[in-house]
Amino acid sequence: MSAPQPVMAFEWTDVGGIAVVRFTVKILRDERIIRSIFDEIDRLLESGRTRMVINFTDLQVFASYAIGKLISLNSRVTQQGGRLVMSDLTPIVDEIVDIMNLRRRFTIMKTERDALESFV
């Protein structure tokens, strides 16, 4: 019997010097996976990628632990003189953002394209 393979829960690409992170899972509840994702995103930040877009297109459900990680990431990006923009929020994610009154903490754009253009 082989060991379970790790789940790659996100991917990222460079678009004109902006790191665009896209979730590749619909449900993000496992704390280990969330920690792993944000550890990788932290490595992007440590490598000097201080301009980021996080695209939520495929994400339907996520744990509150992920919200704390997003808030922490946003603070670190800002402290380094960068900017984090969230885009393509699904209706459920959008509702969570509203319920938790997070719109004042984050820059949120309707589409990834809008988010990228906001850096110009």
Protein backbone atom coordinates (compact mmCIF):
# COMPACT_ATOMS: atom_id res chain seq x y z
CA MET A 1 0.00 0.00 0.00
CA SER A 2 1.44 3.36 -0.97
CA ALA A 3 1.44 6.44 1.22
CA PRO A 4 -1.21 9.07 0.50
CA GLN A 5 -0.02 11.71 -1.92
CA PRO A 6 -0.01 15.33 -0.73
CA VAL A 7 -2.81 17.49 -2.05
CA MET A 8 -1.69 20.50 -4.05
CA ALA A 9 -4.38 22.88 -2.95
CA PHE A 10 -3.18 25.93 -4.85
CA GLU A 11 -1.05 27.06 -7.75
CA TRP A 12 0.59 30.36 -8.48
CA THR A 13 1.86 32.19 -11.52
CA ASP A 14 3.75 35.39 -12.10
CA VAL A 15 1.81 37.98 -14.08
CA GLY A 16 3.95 41.04 -14.69
CA GLY A 17 5.68 40.80 -11.32
CA ILE A 18 2.48 40.05 -9.43
CA ALA A 19 2.11 36.63 -7.79
CA VAL A 20 -1.35 35.30 -8.64
CA VAL A 21 -2.44 32.52 -6.28
CA ARG A 22 -5.36 30.30 -7.29
CA PHE A 23 -6.90 27.66 -5.07
CA THR A 24 -7.26 24.28 -6.81
CA VAL A 25 -9.63 22.71 -4.28
CA LYS A 26 -13.27 23.47 -3.60
CA ILE A 27 -13.17 22.71 0.13
CA LEU A 28 -10.41 23.91 2.42
CA ARG A 29 -11.01 22.70 5.96
CA ASP A 30 -7.93 20.65 6.84
CA GLU A 31 -5.68 22.73 9.10
CA ARG A 32 -2.55 20.93 7.85
CA ILE A 33 -3.35 21.81 4.25
CA ILE A 34 -4.18 25.41 5.16
CA ARG A 35 -0.90 25.72 7.06
CA SER A 36 0.98 24.19 4.12
CA ILE A 37 -0.62 26.62 1.65
CA PHE A 38 0.22 29.66 3.71
CA ASP A 39 3.75 28.39 4.40
CA GLU A 40 4.26 28.29 0.62
CA ILE A 41 2.71 31.73 0.17
CA ASP A 42 4.99 33.01 2.96
CA ARG A 43 7.96 31.70 0.96
CA LEU A 44 6.75 33.77 -1.99
CA LEU A 45 6.66 36.82 0.25
CA GLU A 46 10.11 36.05 1.67
CA SER A 47 11.47 35.82 -1.87
CA GLY A 48 10.38 39.41 -2.48
CA ARG A 49 6.97 38.89 -4.04
CA THR A 50 5.12 41.62 -2.21
CA ARG A 51 2.42 42.16 -4.83
CA MET A 52 -0.17 39.37 -4.69
CA VAL A 53 -3.59 38.49 -5.98
CA ILE A 54 -5.47 35.65 -4.34
CA ASN A 55 -8.15 34.29 -6.67
CA PHE A 56 -11.01 32.43 -4.96
CA THR A 57 -12.77 31.22 -8.15
CA ASP A 58 -12.89 27.54 -7.24
CA LEU A 59 -13.04 27.77 -3.45
CA GLN A 60 -16.51 27.07 -2.09
CA VAL A 61 -15.86 26.40 1.60
CA PHE A 62 -12.97 27.18 3.92
CA ALA A 63 -12.28 27.01 7.63
CA SER A 64 -12.07 30.06 9.84
CA TYR A 65 -8.41 29.17 10.40
CA ALA A 66 -7.80 30.25 6.79
CA ILE A 67 -9.30 33.67 7.51
CA GLY A 68 -6.81 34.21 10.31
CA LYS A 69 -4.00 33.18 7.95
CA LEU A 70 -5.26 35.63 5.30
CA ILE A 71 -5.40 38.49 7.80
CA SER A 72 -1.88 37.68 8.98
CA LEU A 73 -0.59 37.44 5.40
CA ASN A 74 -2.18 40.76 4.49
CA SER A 75 -0.49 42.42 7.47
CA ARG A 76 2.92 41.00 6.56
CA VAL A 77 2.55 42.01 2.91
CA THR A 78 1.58 45.54 3.94
CA GLN A 79 4.47 45.78 6.43
CA GLN A 80 6.85 44.98 3.58
CA GLY A 81 5.41 47.78 1.46
CA GLY A 82 3.40 45.44 -0.73
CA ARG A 83 -0.23 44.87 -1.47
CA LEU A 84 -2.57 41.87 -1.41
CA VAL A 85 -5.78 41.87 -3.44
CA MET A 86 -8.48 39.21 -3.27
CA SER A 87 -10.57 38.44 -6.36
CA ASP A 88 -13.30 36.24 -7.76
CA LEU A 89 -14.97 35.59 -4.42
CA THR A 90 -17.58 32.87 -4.68
CA PRO A 91 -20.98 33.76 -3.16
CA ILE A 92 -20.23 31.77 -0.01
CA VAL A 93 -16.79 33.33 0.47
CA ASP A 94 -18.27 36.76 -0.24
CA GLU A 95 -20.91 36.16 2.43
CA ILE A 96 -18.26 35.11 4.97
CA VAL A 97 -16.28 38.28 4.20
CA ASP A 98 -19.44 40.33 4.85
CA ILE A 99 -20.43 38.48 8.03
CA MET A 100 -16.93 38.89 9.46
CA ASN A 101 -16.78 42.54 8.37
CA LEU A 102 -13.53 41.98 6.48
CA ARG A 103 -14.06 44.35 3.56
CA ARG A 104 -12.28 47.12 5.44
CA ARG A 105 -9.23 44.86 5.98
CA PHE A 106 -8.83 43.65 2.41
CA THR A 107 -8.79 45.04 -1.07
CA ILE A 108 -11.33 42.96 -2.99
CA MET A 109 -11.92 43.09 -6.72
CA LYS A 110 -14.61 41.37 -8.73
CA THR A 111 -12.24 39.64 -11.17
CA GLU A 112 -8.60 38.66 -11.37
CA ARG A 113 -8.20 41.04 -14.27
CA ASP A 114 -9.57 43.92 -12.17
CA ALA A 115 -7.21 42.93 -9.37
CA LEU A 116 -4.20 42.91 -11.68
CA GLU A 117 -5.19 46.26 -13.22
CA SER A 118 -5.45 47.75 -9.72
CA PHE A 119 -1.65 47.51 -9.42
CA VAL A 120 -1.10 49.86 -12.37
